[in-house]
Amino acid sequence: MKAILCEAFAPLDQLKYTEVADPSPGPNEVFISVKAVGVNYPEALTVQGLYQAKPPLPFIPGTEFSGEIIGMGDGVNNIDVGTRVLGITTIGAYAEKIICDATTVIPIPDTMPYADAASLLCAHGTAHHALKQRAELQPGETLLVLGAAGGTGIAATQIGKAMGARVIAACSTDEKLITAEENGADELINYRDQDLKSELKKLTQGRGVDVVYDPVGGEAFDACSRCMARNGRLLVIGFASGTIPQLPVNLALMKEYSVVGVFWGNFVQHEPAVFDDNLKELLHWYDEKKVRLVIDREFPLAEAATALKRVIERKVKGKLVLIP
């Protein structure tokens, strides 16, 4: 089968599209023909050796995918060959075929496109966990979403609205703000042309923001740390700006707000039952069209490095998908 192979932690253009041996399912495993793969920011960091986890080399990158079951090992009795599924894995999704534990794949309806199914878990899963479990977002609260036109930013905007929040979207261009507005944002801030701190003060009438969803870091985090409401929750999702900010902790003390870390992969590993409940709610919202996937572009699997570069450069509105 064809796959993307990372032979060394190196720049993205050193990834190889090559032939590798087909895997074989063991006990309690399913064999899947991959139809679509979601592209995510952490994967770009992982192949460069910049992420928290460093898989043993060589490895096939990729964490979220969709496809059709074409075989299974002994002990699998809860799913049939031919079933359309979405799945999550630590590595291995950038390939034409994949082996997974049968408990880690979820059947999807025939009406759900493979590209949507391959894009749901990481971005929407992260946003859902962040807003529901980590922030405990309440109806009527104000939610600020930074990077609101990216995959996880769009997800946070949609889920925030589904949970009853007033959503302020902050983006770096007016074009991206249009995308945020199309996905439910109530208020818009271009933080390249407008002063983020002043605009937030104006929009909240000086009260501050209840919840900040921050996958960006850098100067935007610095501004938000000074714009929190009392009992607010500043969610640390990631650092797409490339700068990990430093927090003057006296601000948290004086304003009585919390800085809350969000690591979705850790959550999935340690709280699988809660993750299952979240996924059921996400799929229900998808059926109700409260949540939808915005697919910016599809790339052939062979062009994985190009897709990852676009994600790193923040040139994506919504999600990118690889098609084997």
Protein backbone atom coordinates (compact mmCIF):
# COMPACT_ATOMS: atom_id res chain seq x y z
CA MET A 1 0.00 0.00 0.00
CA LYS A 2 1.01 3.65 -0.38
CA ALA A 3 1.68 5.73 2.71
CA ILE A 4 3.44 8.85 3.96
CA LEU A 5 6.57 7.85 5.86
CA CYS A 6 8.49 9.96 8.37
CA GLU A 7 12.01 8.51 8.52
CA ALA A 8 13.58 11.32 10.59
CA PHE A 9 12.37 14.35 12.54
CA ALA A 10 12.99 16.93 9.85
CA PRO A 11 11.34 19.63 7.70
CA LEU A 12 8.02 18.70 6.14
CA ASP A 13 9.40 18.34 2.62
CA GLN A 14 11.41 15.32 3.75
CA LEU A 15 8.28 13.23 4.24
CA LYS A 16 8.16 10.36 1.74
CA TYR A 17 5.21 9.05 -0.25
CA THR A 18 6.21 5.44 -0.67
CA GLU A 19 5.18 1.81 -0.81
CA VAL A 20 4.99 -0.04 2.53
CA ALA A 21 3.78 -3.49 3.47
CA ASP A 22 0.08 -3.98 4.15
CA PRO A 23 -0.60 -4.43 7.88
CA SER A 24 -2.36 -7.55 9.17
CA PRO A 25 -5.10 -7.40 11.83
CA GLY A 26 -4.41 -9.17 15.10
CA PRO A 27 -6.91 -10.24 17.77
CA ASN A 28 -9.61 -7.61 18.42
CA GLU A 29 -8.37 -5.47 15.52
CA VAL A 30 -10.07 -4.30 12.33
CA PHE A 31 -8.50 -3.74 8.90
CA ILE A 32 -9.71 -0.55 7.22
CA SER A 33 -9.48 0.85 3.72
CA VAL A 34 -8.88 4.55 4.37
CA LYS A 35 -11.09 6.91 2.35
CA ALA A 36 -10.18 10.29 3.92
CA VAL A 37 -7.73 11.64 6.49
CA GLY A 38 -8.01 14.85 8.52
CA VAL A 39 -4.93 17.11 8.59
CA ASN A 40 -4.08 18.64 11.96
CA TYR A 41 -1.56 21.14 13.33
CA PRO A 42 -0.02 18.72 15.89
CA GLU A 43 0.86 16.31 13.07
CA ALA A 44 3.03 18.98 11.45
CA LEU A 45 4.81 19.47 14.76
CA THR A 46 5.20 15.71 15.33
CA VAL A 47 7.00 14.98 12.06
CA GLN A 48 9.43 17.83 12.81
CA GLY A 49 10.13 16.53 16.32
CA LEU A 50 8.50 19.60 17.87
CA TYR A 51 5.55 17.95 19.60
CA GLN A 52 5.33 16.64 23.18
CA ALA A 53 5.24 13.04 21.95
CA LYS A 54 7.91 11.63 19.63
CA PRO A 55 6.93 8.30 18.02
CA PRO A 56 9.66 5.74 17.28
CA LEU A 57 11.13 6.20 13.81
CA PRO A 58 10.17 5.47 11.09
CA PHE A 59 6.42 6.04 11.40
CA ILE A 60 3.35 6.92 9.39
CA PRO A 61 1.79 10.17 10.70
CA GLY A 62 -1.90 10.89 11.03
CA THR A 63 -4.50 10.64 13.79
CA GLU A 64 -8.05 10.92 12.41
CA PHE A 65 -9.52 9.09 9.44
CA SER A 66 -12.59 7.53 7.90
CA GLY A 67 -12.99 4.46 5.76
CA GLU A 68 -14.53 1.04 5.25
CA ILE A 69 -13.79 -2.14 7.18
CA ILE A 70 -12.32 -4.75 4.85
CA GLY A 71 -11.18 -7.36 7.36
CA MET A 72 -10.79 -8.19 11.03
CA GLY A 73 -8.87 -10.32 13.48
CA ASP A 74 -10.11 -12.91 15.93
CA GLY A 75 -12.47 -11.75 18.66
CA VAL A 76 -14.17 -8.93 16.75
CA ASN A 77 -17.92 -9.48 16.93
CA ASN A 78 -19.38 -5.99 17.30
CA ILE A 79 -18.89 -4.73 13.74
CA ASP A 80 -19.08 -6.16 10.21
CA VAL A 81 -16.97 -6.05 7.08
CA GLY A 82 -18.29 -3.28 4.82
CA THR A 83 -19.18 -0.94 7.70
CA ARG A 84 -18.34 2.74 7.13
CA VAL A 85 -16.45 4.12 10.13
CA LEU A 86 -14.50 7.02 11.52
CA GLY A 87 -11.55 6.41 13.78
CA ILE A 88 -8.83 7.90 15.93
CA THR A 89 -5.26 6.69 16.36
CA THR A 90 -1.93 8.03 17.64
CA ILE A 91 -0.11 7.47 14.31
CA GLY A 92 -0.72 5.64 11.04
CA ALA A 93 -3.61 7.42 9.31
CA TYR A 94 -1.67 8.89 6.36
CA ALA A 95 -1.98 5.63 4.44
CA GLU A 96 -4.26 3.69 2.11
CA LYS A 97 -4.99 1.13 4.83
CA ILE A 98 -4.80 1.00 8.61
CA ILE A 99 -5.19 -1.44 11.48
CA CYS A 100 -7.04 -0.29 14.61
CA ASP A 101 -8.44 -1.74 17.79
CA ALA A 102 -12.10 -2.45 17.11
CA THR A 103 -13.12 -0.32 20.10
CA THR A 104 -11.59 2.84 18.57
CA VAL A 105 -13.76 3.02 15.43
CA ILE A 106 -17.31 4.34 15.28
CA PRO A 107 -19.87 3.47 12.57
CA ILE A 108 -21.10 6.45 10.57
CA PRO A 109 -24.34 6.85 8.61
CA ASP A 110 -24.38 6.48 4.83
CA THR A 111 -25.38 10.14 4.59
CA MET A 112 -22.14 11.34 6.24
CA PRO A 113 -19.40 12.08 3.66
CA TYR A 114 -16.04 10.47 4.35
CA ALA A 115 -14.36 13.89 4.36
CA ASP A 116 -16.69 15.11 7.12
CA ALA A 117 -16.17 11.96 9.16
CA ALA A 118 -12.38 12.29 8.88
CA SER A 119 -12.52 15.89 10.11
CA LEU A 120 -14.86 15.65 13.09
CA LEU A 121 -12.84 14.18 15.93
CA CYS A 122 -9.74 16.30 16.51
CA ALA A 123 -11.00 19.85 15.96
CA HIS A 124 -14.57 19.44 17.18
CA GLY A 125 -13.53 16.93 19.83
CA THR A 126 -10.98 19.38 21.25
CA ALA A 127 -13.41 22.30 21.22
CA HIS A 128 -16.20 20.22 22.76
CA HIS A 129 -14.01 18.92 25.61
CA ALA A 130 -12.57 22.39 26.18
CA LEU A 131 -15.91 24.16 26.43
CA LYS A 132 -17.88 21.41 28.17
CA GLN A 133 -15.51 19.75 30.63
CA ARG A 134 -12.70 22.28 31.07
CA ALA A 135 -14.59 25.60 30.91
CA GLU A 136 -18.07 24.36 31.90
CA LEU A 137 -19.46 27.00 29.55
CA GLN A 138 -22.95 28.18 30.55
CA PRO A 139 -25.79 29.58 28.44
CA GLY A 140 -25.60 33.36 28.23
CA GLU A 141 -21.87 33.56 28.92
CA THR A 142 -19.49 35.39 26.59
CA LEU A 143 -17.03 33.20 24.68
CA LEU A 144 -14.08 34.67 22.78
CA VAL A 145 -12.62 32.40 20.08
CA LEU A 146 -9.16 33.27 18.79
CA GLY A 147 -8.20 31.97 15.34
CA ALA A 148 -11.92 31.56 14.73
CA ALA A 149 -11.60 30.62 11.03
CA GLY A 150 -9.29 27.66 11.60
CA GLY A 151 -10.57 24.11 12.04
CA THR A 152 -10.66 24.16 15.84
CA GLY A 153 -11.75 27.82 15.93
CA ILE A 154 -14.76 27.11 13.70
CA ALA A 155 -15.56 24.12 15.89
CA ALA A 156 -15.44 26.24 19.06
CA THR A 157 -17.68 28.88 17.48
CA GLN A 158 -20.29 26.30 16.42
CA ILE A 159 -20.21 24.43 19.74
CA GLY A 160 -20.27 27.64 21.75
CA LYS A 161 -23.47 28.63 19.95
CA ALA A 162 -24.93 25.15 20.46
CA MET A 163 -24.25 25.56 24.20
CA GLY A 164 -26.00 28.93 24.30
CA ALA A 165 -23.06 31.34 24.51
CA ARG A 166 -22.59 34.75 22.93
CA VAL A 167 -19.56 34.21 20.66
CA ILE A 168 -16.97 36.85 19.81
CA ALA A 169 -14.71 35.74 16.95
CA ALA A 170 -11.22 37.14 16.53
CA CYS A 171 -9.26 36.60 13.30
CA SER A 172 -6.30 38.14 11.48
CA THR A 173 -8.17 39.12 8.27
CA ASP A 174 -11.61 40.32 7.25
CA GLU A 175 -11.90 37.33 4.91
CA LYS A 176 -11.45 34.95 7.84
CA LEU A 177 -14.00 36.91 9.87
CA ILE A 178 -16.58 36.26 7.14
CA THR A 179 -15.99 32.53 7.66
CA ALA A 180 -16.41 32.95 11.42
CA GLU A 181 -19.66 34.88 10.95
CA GLU A 182 -20.98 32.19 8.59
CA ASN A 183 -20.42 29.69 11.39
CA GLY A 184 -22.39 31.58 14.01
CA ALA A 185 -20.17 34.28 15.52
CA ASP A 186 -22.16 37.15 17.03
CA GLU A 187 -19.36 39.75 17.15
CA LEU A 188 -16.21 40.10 15.03
CA ILE A 189 -12.74 41.50 15.76
CA ASN A 190 -9.87 41.81 13.27
CA TYR A 191 -6.95 41.77 15.70
CA ARG A 192 -4.48 42.88 13.03
CA ASP A 193 -6.35 46.13 12.35
CA GLN A 194 -8.09 46.62 15.72
CA ASP A 195 -6.76 46.67 19.26
CA LEU A 196 -8.02 43.40 20.74
CA LYS A 197 -7.99 44.61 24.35
CA SER A 198 -9.93 47.81 23.56
CA GLU A 199 -12.49 45.99 21.41
CA LEU A 200 -13.13 43.36 24.07
CA LYS A 201 -13.59 46.02 26.71
CA LYS A 202 -16.09 47.77 24.45
CA LEU A 203 -18.03 44.62 23.52
CA THR A 204 -18.29 43.45 27.15
CA GLN A 205 -18.97 46.96 28.53
CA GLY A 206 -15.85 46.66 30.66
CA ARG A 207 -16.93 43.43 32.34
CA GLY A 208 -14.49 41.15 30.53
CA VAL A 209 -14.83 37.78 28.82
CA ASP A 210 -16.17 34.70 30.61
CA VAL A 211 -14.32 32.12 28.50
CA VAL A 212 -11.43 32.51 26.06
CA TYR A 213 -10.65 29.70 23.62
CA ASP A 214 -7.02 30.25 22.59
CA PRO A 215 -5.28 28.01 20.05
CA VAL A 216 -3.04 30.91 18.99
CA GLY A 217 -0.92 32.11 21.92
CA GLY A 218 1.49 35.01 21.49
CA GLU A 219 0.29 38.61 21.71
CA ALA A 220 -3.38 37.62 21.50
CA PHE A 221 -3.02 35.62 24.73
CA ASP A 222 -1.36 38.61 26.39
CA ALA A 223 -4.32 40.82 25.50
CA CYS A 224 -6.84 38.24 26.69
CA SER A 225 -5.07 37.78 30.01
CA ARG A 226 -5.99 41.41 30.74
CA CYS A 227 -9.60 41.12 29.55
CA MET A 228 -11.01 38.32 31.69
CA ALA A 229 -14.21 38.59 33.69
CA ARG A 230 -14.23 37.59 37.35
CA ASN A 231 -14.54 33.76 37.53
CA GLY A 232 -13.47 33.64 33.86
CA ARG A 233 -11.67 30.69 32.28
CA LEU A 234 -8.79 31.24 29.86
CA LEU A 235 -8.41 28.00 27.87
CA VAL A 236 -4.91 27.18 26.61
CA ILE A 237 -5.38 25.06 23.45
CA GLY A 238 -2.14 25.60 21.51
CA PHE A 239 0.33 28.05 20.04
CA ALA A 240 -0.34 28.45 16.31
CA SER A 241 1.41 31.84 16.40
CA GLY A 242 4.65 30.03 17.19
CA THR A 243 5.08 31.91 20.47
CA ILE A 244 4.38 30.35 23.85
CA PRO A 245 3.26 33.27 26.04
CA GLN A 246 4.18 33.98 29.64
CA LEU A 247 1.41 34.78 32.13
CA PRO A 248 1.83 37.48 34.80
CA VAL A 249 0.10 35.41 37.48
CA ASN A 250 -0.82 38.52 39.47
CA LEU A 251 -3.49 39.13 36.79
CA ALA A 252 -5.17 35.82 37.61
CA LEU A 253 -5.01 36.71 41.30
CA MET A 254 -6.37 40.24 40.99
CA LYS A 255 -9.11 39.40 38.49
CA GLU A 256 -9.94 36.00 40.03
CA TYR A 257 -9.91 33.99 36.83
CA SER A 258 -8.50 30.58 35.94
CA VAL A 259 -6.01 29.54 33.28
CA VAL A 260 -7.02 26.05 32.14
CA GLY A 261 -4.97 23.67 29.99
CA VAL A 262 -6.71 21.56 27.34
CA PHE A 263 -5.03 18.40 25.96
CA TRP A 264 -7.68 16.43 24.10
CA GLY A 265 -5.50 13.36 23.49
CA ASN A 266 -4.90 13.04 27.22
CA PHE A 267 -8.64 13.34 27.86
CA VAL A 268 -9.48 10.59 25.34
CA GLN A 269 -6.93 8.27 26.95
CA HIS A 270 -7.92 8.84 30.57
CA GLU A 271 -11.69 9.40 30.30
CA PRO A 272 -12.91 7.14 27.45
CA ALA A 273 -16.48 6.91 28.79
CA VAL A 274 -16.81 10.71 28.90
CA PHE A 275 -15.27 10.92 25.42
CA ASP A 276 -17.91 8.45 24.16
CA ASP A 277 -20.66 10.65 25.60
CA ASN A 278 -19.12 13.72 23.95
CA LEU A 279 -18.96 11.95 20.60
CA LYS A 280 -22.62 10.97 20.79
CA GLU A 281 -23.53 14.59 21.48
CA LEU A 282 -21.34 15.80 18.60
CA LEU A 283 -22.95 13.37 16.16
CA HIS A 284 -26.39 14.46 17.41
CA TRP A 285 -25.47 18.11 16.79
CA TYR A 286 -24.16 17.12 13.35
CA ASP A 287 -27.52 15.49 12.53
CA GLU A 288 -29.29 18.66 13.72
CA LYS A 289 -26.89 20.79 11.62
CA LYS A 290 -25.78 22.72 14.71
CA VAL A 291 -22.30 21.42 13.93
CA ARG A 292 -20.97 21.16 10.39
CA LEU A 293 -17.58 20.53 8.87
CA VAL A 294 -15.98 23.25 6.78
CA ILE A 295 -13.61 21.57 4.33
CA ASP A 296 -11.27 24.14 2.82
CA ARG A 297 -9.63 21.77 0.35
CA GLU A 298 -8.88 18.12 -0.39
CA PHE A 299 -5.36 16.99 -1.34
CA PRO A 300 -4.14 13.67 -2.70
CA LEU A 301 -2.34 11.65 -0.02
CA ALA A 302 0.92 12.15 -1.92
CA GLU A 303 0.69 15.92 -1.20
CA ALA A 304 0.55 15.57 2.59
CA ALA A 305 3.61 17.80 3.08
CA THR A 306 1.94 20.61 1.11
CA ALA A 307 -1.23 20.32 3.19
CA LEU A 308 0.74 20.38 6.45
CA LYS A 309 2.64 23.49 5.31
CA ARG A 310 -0.65 25.30 4.68
CA VAL A 311 -1.80 24.42 8.20
CA ILE A 312 1.47 25.63 9.77
CA GLU A 313 1.29 28.87 7.76
CA ARG A 314 -2.33 29.42 8.92
CA LYS A 315 -3.62 29.58 5.37
CA VAL A 316 -6.61 27.33 6.01
CA LYS A 317 -10.26 28.16 6.64
CA GLY A 318 -11.70 25.09 8.30
CA LYS A 319 -10.06 21.74 7.62
CA LEU A 320 -7.83 20.14 5.02
CA VAL A 321 -8.38 16.51 4.04
CA LEU A 322 -6.10 13.93 2.41
CA ILE A 323 -7.62 11.47 -0.04
CA PRO A 324 -5.67 8.19 -0.55
